[in-house]
Structure formats: C-alpha cells, structure tokens
Amino acid sequence: MRTPVPGEAGAALEPVRTELLRAAHADARALLARADREAADVLDAARAEERAILDAARRQGEAEGAAAGRAVLLQARRTARARDLGVRREAYEQLRLRAAERVRGLRDTDGYGSVLDRLTLRARGLLGPDADVTEHPDGGVVVRAGGRYVDCTLDALAARALDRIGPEVEKLWAR
C-alpha cells in the first residue's frame, strides 16, 4: 500500500469530514431540541407549582381572613354586650338610688310615725313581741331577737320592692 500524498489525504478524507460535521450538527440540533423540551418541561412544572402554591396561599389567606373576621366580629359582639350590660347595670343602680331617696322622703311626711308603727308591728310579728326594735338613722327600723335579725330600713324596703319587680324592671330601658 502506498502512502498518500498530503494533498490527496485531505481530499480523500473530505467526505468523512463532511459526514462527521453533518452528524455533529445533527447531534447538536437534537441535543438543543431536547434541552429546549426539557427546559420547557421544567418551566411548565415550575408554573404549575407556582399556581398550586398561589392557590393554596390564597385559600389559606381566605381561611385565615375569615377566621380573623369571625374573631373580630365575636369580640365586637362581646364588647357591645358588655357595654349594654354596663349601661343597664348603671340604669338599675340609678333606679335603686332614686327609689331609696324617694322612700327616705317618707321621713319628712306627717304619716312617717304611722309607717314606723307598722314596720315595728311587722318585725315583731316575725321575731316575737319581745324583739328589740331600733330606729335606723336613714329611716325605718332594725329588729333583733335571739340572734335573728330583720332589716326594715327604708333602703331595704325599697330594694326589696325593686327585687319583687324582677325582670319587669328591664322594660324600663328596653328598646
């Protein structure tokens, strides 16, 4: 076999070189196409994951917002109820004070002696005729007998009268 001349070797290898270049280009195009598909698949998966994360975050945010809204509403209702009860308690206390003042006004009337007599009779009827009766400085009497005690002061009588009204007193400030 003969050794090819340098110019002849290049010409003889030209078809091989051309085929290697064509194959390398084809491989490169196939590799780029596969890389593009893989990149597109990765991007699609990332977008899908992004949508899923955003949807989950939105649902969680809505749930947390709804829970927070319910908590705020519940607290507002509790606060409103507490204020309402406070106003009612204040109104009731004012009613008790005014009733006691009005009943104490009996001391300044001509019939107060008769009121004391009836209170004393009532208290002795409860504790016995030997019960110790003491007139109270704010009006009415306090009666004691054998460790037992009856409060027939004017303030106590006014308070008991309001207590007997019971829930009906709420109608005074009901809306």
Protein backbone atom coordinates (compact mmCIF):
# COMPACT_ATOMS: atom_id res chain seq x y z
CA MET A 1 0.00 0.00 0.00
CA ARG A 2 1.15 3.31 -0.77
CA THR A 3 1.32 6.33 1.47
CA PRO A 4 -0.98 9.02 0.26
CA VAL A 5 0.37 12.37 -0.68
CA PRO A 6 -0.59 15.13 1.75
CA GLY A 7 -2.95 16.84 -0.69
CA GLU A 8 -4.53 13.52 -1.64
CA ALA A 9 -5.17 12.59 2.01
CA GLY A 10 -7.17 15.77 2.62
CA ALA A 11 -9.27 15.16 -0.46
CA ALA A 12 -9.79 11.52 0.46
CA LEU A 13 -10.90 12.47 3.98
CA GLU A 14 -13.22 15.25 2.85
CA PRO A 15 -16.32 13.02 2.64
CA VAL A 16 -15.57 11.65 6.13
CA ARG A 17 -15.05 15.16 7.46
CA THR A 18 -18.27 16.33 5.85
CA GLU A 19 -20.17 13.38 7.29
CA LEU A 20 -18.68 13.95 10.77
CA LEU A 21 -19.65 17.64 10.61
CA ARG A 22 -23.16 16.77 9.43
CA ALA A 23 -23.52 14.19 12.22
CA ALA A 24 -22.15 16.64 14.81
CA HIS A 25 -24.61 19.33 13.61
CA ALA A 26 -27.46 16.82 13.73
CA ASP A 27 -26.42 15.70 17.21
CA ALA A 28 -26.13 19.34 18.33
CA ARG A 29 -29.58 20.16 16.92
CA ALA A 30 -31.07 17.08 18.59
CA LEU A 31 -29.32 17.98 21.85
CA LEU A 32 -30.56 21.60 21.65
CA ALA A 33 -34.08 20.42 20.81
CA ARG A 34 -34.03 18.02 23.77
CA ALA A 35 -32.62 20.75 26.03
CA ASP A 36 -35.37 23.13 24.82
CA ARG A 37 -38.03 20.49 25.55
CA GLU A 38 -36.55 19.77 28.98
CA ALA A 39 -36.34 23.50 29.74
CA ALA A 40 -39.96 23.94 28.60
CA ASP A 41 -40.99 20.97 30.77
CA VAL A 42 -39.15 22.43 33.78
CA LEU A 43 -40.76 25.84 33.16
CA ASP A 44 -44.21 24.23 32.79
CA ALA A 45 -43.72 22.30 36.02
CA ALA A 46 -42.49 25.44 37.80
CA ARG A 47 -45.51 27.41 36.55
CA ALA A 48 -47.87 24.63 37.66
CA GLU A 49 -46.18 24.53 41.06
CA GLU A 50 -46.41 28.33 41.25
CA ARG A 51 -50.15 28.19 40.51
CA ALA A 52 -50.63 25.45 43.10
CA ILE A 53 -48.68 27.42 45.74
CA LEU A 54 -50.59 30.62 44.93
CA ASP A 55 -53.92 28.79 45.05
CA ALA A 56 -53.03 27.18 48.37
CA ALA A 57 -51.81 30.51 49.75
CA ARG A 58 -54.99 32.21 48.54
CA ARG A 59 -57.18 29.54 50.18
CA GLN A 60 -55.14 29.74 53.38
CA GLY A 61 -55.31 33.54 53.34
CA GLU A 62 -59.05 33.46 52.77
CA ALA A 63 -59.49 30.94 55.59
CA GLU A 64 -57.29 32.94 57.94
CA GLY A 65 -59.04 36.15 56.92
CA ALA A 66 -62.44 34.58 57.52
CA ALA A 67 -61.29 33.27 60.90
CA ALA A 68 -59.87 36.66 61.81
CA GLY A 69 -63.11 38.31 60.67
CA ARG A 70 -65.14 35.94 62.83
CA ALA A 71 -62.88 36.66 65.80
CA VAL A 72 -63.21 40.42 65.31
CA LEU A 73 -66.99 40.11 64.98
CA LEU A 74 -67.20 37.93 68.09
CA GLN A 75 -65.08 40.40 70.05
CA ALA A 76 -67.22 43.29 68.82
CA ARG A 77 -70.36 41.45 69.91
CA ARG A 78 -68.83 40.74 73.32
CA THR A 79 -67.79 44.35 73.71
CA ALA A 80 -71.23 45.59 72.68
CA ARG A 81 -72.90 43.15 75.08
CA ALA A 82 -70.59 44.19 77.93
CA ARG A 83 -71.34 47.86 77.25
CA ASP A 84 -75.05 47.15 77.07
CA LEU A 85 -74.95 45.26 80.36
CA GLY A 86 -72.88 48.04 81.91
CA VAL A 87 -75.41 50.65 80.83
CA ARG A 88 -78.26 48.51 82.16
CA ARG A 89 -76.44 47.97 85.45
CA GLU A 90 -75.85 51.72 85.73
CA ALA A 91 -79.52 52.41 84.96
CA TYR A 92 -80.61 49.86 87.56
CA GLU A 93 -78.28 51.34 90.17
CA GLN A 94 -79.64 54.80 89.43
CA LEU A 95 -83.18 53.43 89.80
CA ARG A 96 -82.25 51.85 93.15
CA LEU A 97 -80.73 55.11 94.38
CA ARG A 98 -83.74 57.16 93.30
CA ALA A 99 -86.18 54.67 94.81
CA ALA A 100 -84.25 54.71 98.09
CA GLU A 101 -84.20 58.54 98.08
CA ARG A 102 -87.95 58.66 97.41
CA VAL A 103 -88.71 56.16 100.17
CA ARG A 104 -86.42 58.05 102.59
CA GLY A 105 -88.56 61.08 101.80
CA LEU A 106 -91.28 59.43 103.88
CA ARG A 107 -89.37 60.59 107.00
CA ASP A 108 -90.38 64.16 106.16
CA THR A 109 -94.11 63.40 105.93
CA ASP A 110 -96.81 63.58 108.60
CA GLY A 111 -97.55 59.88 108.19
CA TYR A 112 -93.97 58.70 108.99
CA GLY A 113 -94.90 57.82 112.59
CA SER A 114 -97.59 55.51 111.27
CA VAL A 115 -95.05 53.91 108.89
CA LEU A 116 -92.67 53.22 111.82
CA ASP A 117 -95.51 51.70 113.84
CA ARG A 118 -96.48 49.35 111.01
CA LEU A 119 -92.84 48.35 110.41
CA THR A 120 -92.38 47.64 114.12
CA LEU A 121 -95.55 45.51 114.20
CA ARG A 122 -94.47 43.58 111.15
CA ALA A 123 -90.96 42.93 112.52
CA ARG A 124 -92.29 41.86 115.94
CA GLY A 125 -94.74 39.61 114.16
CA LEU A 126 -91.74 37.89 112.57
CA LEU A 127 -89.41 37.79 115.60
CA GLY A 128 -91.81 37.92 118.56
CA PRO A 129 -93.24 40.62 120.82
CA ASP A 130 -90.05 40.89 122.91
CA ALA A 131 -87.83 41.69 119.92
CA ASP A 132 -85.50 44.68 120.29
CA VAL A 133 -86.55 47.44 117.84
CA THR A 134 -84.10 50.20 116.88
CA GLU A 135 -84.94 53.12 114.61
CA HIS A 136 -82.41 53.43 111.79
CA PRO A 137 -80.88 56.89 111.07
CA ASP A 138 -81.84 56.65 107.36
CA GLY A 139 -85.40 55.66 108.25
CA GLY A 140 -87.21 52.51 109.16
CA VAL A 141 -86.30 50.05 111.89
CA VAL A 142 -83.88 47.22 112.61
CA VAL A 143 -85.19 44.43 114.82
CA ARG A 144 -83.18 41.77 116.71
CA ALA A 145 -84.25 38.83 118.82
CA GLY A 146 -82.20 35.82 119.91
CA GLY A 147 -79.56 36.09 117.18
CA ARG A 148 -82.13 36.71 114.49
CA TYR A 149 -82.33 39.98 112.59
CA VAL A 150 -84.94 41.73 110.48
CA ASP A 151 -83.96 44.72 108.34
CA CYS A 152 -86.96 47.01 107.92
CA THR A 153 -84.97 50.08 106.96
CA LEU A 154 -86.44 52.26 104.25
CA ASP A 155 -83.49 51.47 101.96
CA ALA A 156 -84.00 47.71 102.43
CA LEU A 157 -87.75 48.06 101.79
CA ALA A 158 -87.08 49.99 98.56
CA ALA A 159 -84.53 47.37 97.43
CA ARG A 160 -86.96 44.51 98.16
CA ALA A 161 -89.72 46.30 96.25
CA LEU A 162 -87.43 46.57 93.19
CA ASP A 163 -86.37 42.93 93.61
CA ARG A 164 -90.05 41.89 93.55
CA ILE A 165 -90.46 43.67 90.22
CA GLY A 166 -87.70 41.38 88.94
CA PRO A 167 -87.27 41.11 85.19
CA GLU A 168 -90.13 43.53 84.62
CA VAL A 169 -87.75 46.36 85.56
CA GLU A 170 -85.87 45.66 82.31
CA LYS A 171 -88.84 47.02 80.38
CA LEU A 172 -87.91 50.47 81.67
CA TRP A 173 -84.86 50.61 79.39
CA ALA A 174 -85.72 48.02 76.77
CA ARG A 175 -85.55 49.21 73.18
